[in-house]
C-alpha atoms as a PDB file:
ATOM      1  CA  MET A   1      -1.649 221.904 -21.311  1.00  0.00           C
ATOM      2  CA  ASP A   2      -3.973 222.446 -18.377  1.00  0.00           C
ATOM      3  CA  THR A   3      -3.693 219.431 -16.050  1.00  0.00           C
ATOM      4  CA  THR A   4      -6.455 220.550 -13.662  1.00  0.00           C
ATOM      5  CA  PRO A   5      -9.005 217.716 -13.449  1.00  0.00           C
ATOM      6  CA  LEU A   6     -12.462 218.610 -14.730  1.00  0.00           C
ATOM      7  CA  ARG A   7     -15.365 218.229 -12.330  1.00  0.00           C
ATOM      8  CA  VAL A   8     -17.899 215.445 -12.777  1.00  0.00           C
ATOM      9  CA  SER A   9     -21.175 216.633 -14.227  1.00  0.00           C
ATOM     10  CA  GLN A  10     -24.095 215.788 -11.962  1.00  0.00           C
ATOM     11  CA  ARG A  11     -25.598 213.886 -14.896  1.00  0.00           C
ATOM     12  CA  PHE A  12     -22.657 211.460 -15.003  1.00  0.00           C
ATOM     13  CA  LEU A  13     -21.919 210.990 -11.285  1.00  0.00           C
ATOM     14  CA  ASN A  14     -23.624 207.588 -11.271  1.00  0.00           C
ATOM     15  CA  SER A  15     -22.581 206.685 -14.800  1.00  0.00           C
ATOM     16  CA  SER A  16     -19.839 204.399 -16.032  1.00  0.00           C
ATOM     17  CA  LEU A  17     -17.874 204.722 -19.247  1.00  0.00           C
ATOM     18  CA  VAL A  18     -16.588 201.415 -20.611  1.00  0.00           C
ATOM     19  CA  LEU A  19     -14.042 201.401 -23.431  1.00  0.00           C
ATOM     20  CA  LEU A  20     -14.275 198.203 -25.482  1.00  0.00           C
ATOM     21  CA  GLY A  21     -11.069 197.120 -27.194  1.00  0.00           C
ATOM     22  CA  HIS A  22     -10.181 194.082 -29.281  1.00  0.00           C
ATOM     23  CA  GLY A  23      -7.127 192.894 -27.348  1.00  0.00           C
ATOM     24  CA  SER A  24      -4.929 189.987 -28.386  1.00  0.00           C
ATOM     25  CA  SER A  25      -3.914 186.640 -26.965  1.00  0.00           C
ATOM     26  CA  LYS A  26      -0.576 186.982 -28.819  1.00  0.00           C
ATOM     27  CA  ASN A  27       0.453 190.627 -28.369  1.00  0.00           C
ATOM     28  CA  SER A  28       0.123 192.119 -24.893  1.00  0.00           C
ATOM     29  CA  GLU A  29       0.944 195.581 -26.270  1.00  0.00           C
ATOM     30  CA  SER A  30      -2.261 195.713 -28.327  1.00  0.00           C
ATOM     31  CA  ARG A  31      -4.238 196.864 -25.284  1.00  0.00           C
ATOM     32  CA  ARG A  32      -1.976 199.770 -24.307  1.00  0.00           C
ATOM     33  CA  SER A  33      -3.718 202.505 -26.302  1.00  0.00           C
ATOM     34  CA  VAL A  34      -7.112 201.620 -24.792  1.00  0.00           C
ATOM     35  CA  GLU A  35      -5.575 201.530 -21.297  1.00  0.00           C
ATOM     36  CA  ARG A  36      -3.912 204.929 -21.809  1.00  0.00           C
ATOM     37  CA  HIS A  37      -7.140 206.419 -23.108  1.00  0.00           C
ATOM     38  CA  ALA A  38      -9.081 205.089 -20.096  1.00  0.00           C
ATOM     39  CA  ALA A  39      -6.416 206.381 -17.695  1.00  0.00           C
ATOM     40  CA  GLU A  40      -6.647 209.870 -19.181  1.00  0.00           C
ATOM     41  CA  LEU A  41     -10.436 209.859 -18.933  1.00  0.00           C
ATOM     42  CA  ARG A  42     -10.198 208.727 -15.286  1.00  0.00           C
ATOM     43  CA  ARG A  43      -7.742 211.547 -14.609  1.00  0.00           C
ATOM     44  CA  ARG A  44     -10.221 214.054 -16.022  1.00  0.00           C
ATOM     45  CA  VAL A  45     -12.997 212.764 -13.717  1.00  0.00           C
ATOM     46  CA  LEU A  46     -15.724 213.041 -16.352  1.00  0.00           C
ATOM     47  CA  PHE A  47     -17.641 209.922 -15.254  1.00  0.00           C
ATOM     48  CA  GLY A  48     -18.229 208.199 -11.949  1.00  0.00           C
ATOM     49  CA  GLN A  49     -16.223 205.251 -13.268  1.00  0.00           C
ATOM     50  CA  VAL A  50     -14.113 204.577 -16.375  1.00  0.00           C
ATOM     51  CA  ARG A  51     -13.142 200.996 -17.194  1.00  0.00           C
ATOM     52  CA  GLU A  52     -11.633 199.198 -20.143  1.00  0.00           C
ATOM     53  CA  CYS A  53     -12.352 195.676 -21.348  1.00  0.00           C
ATOM     54  CA  PHE A  54     -11.445 193.547 -24.333  1.00  0.00           C
ATOM     55  CA  TYR A  55     -12.901 190.938 -26.644  1.00  0.00           C
ATOM     56  CA  ARG A  56      -9.799 188.725 -26.760  1.00  0.00           C
ATOM     57  CA  GLU A  57      -8.287 189.146 -23.275  1.00  0.00           C
ATOM     58  CA  ALA A  58      -9.135 189.943 -19.680  1.00  0.00           C
ATOM     59  CA  PRO A  59     -10.950 191.848 -18.511  1.00  0.00           C
ATOM     60  CA  TYR A  60     -13.443 190.568 -21.074  1.00  0.00           C
ATOM     61  CA  VAL A  61     -16.366 192.475 -22.617  1.00  0.00           C
ATOM     62  CA  ARG A  62     -18.810 189.866 -21.324  1.00  0.00           C
ATOM     63  CA  GLU A  63     -17.731 190.613 -17.733  1.00  0.00           C
ATOM     64  CA  ILE A  64     -18.550 194.346 -17.677  1.00  0.00           C
ATOM     65  CA  TRP A  65     -21.953 193.775 -16.081  1.00  0.00           C
ATOM     66  CA  ASP A  66     -20.265 192.036 -13.123  1.00  0.00           C
ATOM     67  CA  TRP A  67     -18.053 194.983 -12.153  1.00  0.00           C
ATOM     68  CA  THR A  68     -19.950 198.024 -13.367  1.00  0.00           C
ATOM     69  CA  PRO A  69     -22.196 199.630 -10.740  1.00  0.00           C
ATOM     70  CA  ALA A  70     -25.849 200.393 -11.296  1.00  0.00           C
ATOM     71  CA  GLY A  71     -26.725 203.479 -13.252  1.00  0.00           C
ATOM     72  CA  GLU A  72     -26.124 204.455 -16.839  1.00  0.00           C
ATOM     73  CA  ILE A  73     -23.379 202.616 -18.699  1.00  0.00           C
ATOM     74  CA  PHE A  74     -21.857 204.120 -21.818  1.00  0.00           C
ATOM     75  CA  ALA A  75     -20.026 201.429 -23.795  1.00  0.00           C
ATOM     76  CA  ILE A  76     -17.732 202.822 -26.493  1.00  0.00           C
ATOM     77  CA  PRO A  77     -15.911 200.579 -28.997  1.00  0.00           C
ATOM     78  CA  VAL A  78     -12.288 201.656 -29.531  1.00  0.00           C
ATOM     79  CA  PHE A  79     -11.406 200.116 -32.887  1.00  0.00           C
ATOM     80  CA  MET A  80      -9.582 201.457 -35.942  1.00  0.00           C
ATOM     81  CA  SER A  81     -12.664 201.076 -38.120  1.00  0.00           C
ATOM     82  CA  GLU A  82     -16.151 199.655 -38.263  1.00  0.00           C
ATOM     83  CA  GLY A  83     -16.406 195.987 -39.021  1.00  0.00           C
ATOM     84  CA  TYR A  84     -17.483 192.587 -37.762  1.00  0.00           C
ATOM     85  CA  PHE A  85     -16.648 193.247 -34.096  1.00  0.00           C
ATOM     86  CA  THR A  86     -18.216 196.708 -33.884  1.00  0.00           C
ATOM     87  CA  GLU A  87     -21.302 195.809 -35.934  1.00  0.00           C
ATOM     88  CA  VAL A  88     -22.004 192.204 -34.883  1.00  0.00           C
ATOM     89  CA  VAL A  89     -20.006 190.875 -31.929  1.00  0.00           C
ATOM     90  CA  ILE A  90     -20.242 193.787 -29.488  1.00  0.00           C
ATOM     91  CA  PRO A  91     -23.958 194.521 -30.016  1.00  0.00           C
ATOM     92  CA  ARG A  92     -24.694 190.826 -29.521  1.00  0.00           C
END
């Protein structure tokens, strides 16, 4: 596997990618896959910033506007399937 970081496209230099996970107040391990995914995307340097947030635990989805810089924000739900959270809660 090539571990050379990719260069940031000029189009995404001022953009943030936010991965939205469900999280859990009972199982701290539920967030690990989203955190690993975000870490890999940061390593690849594809966006100016890559952050993860969660519906049920900190950092919370509702806080992303407080710590995401100006510019384009791409918010991607990371859920096993479509449902109430991806279709109702997150868009709201």
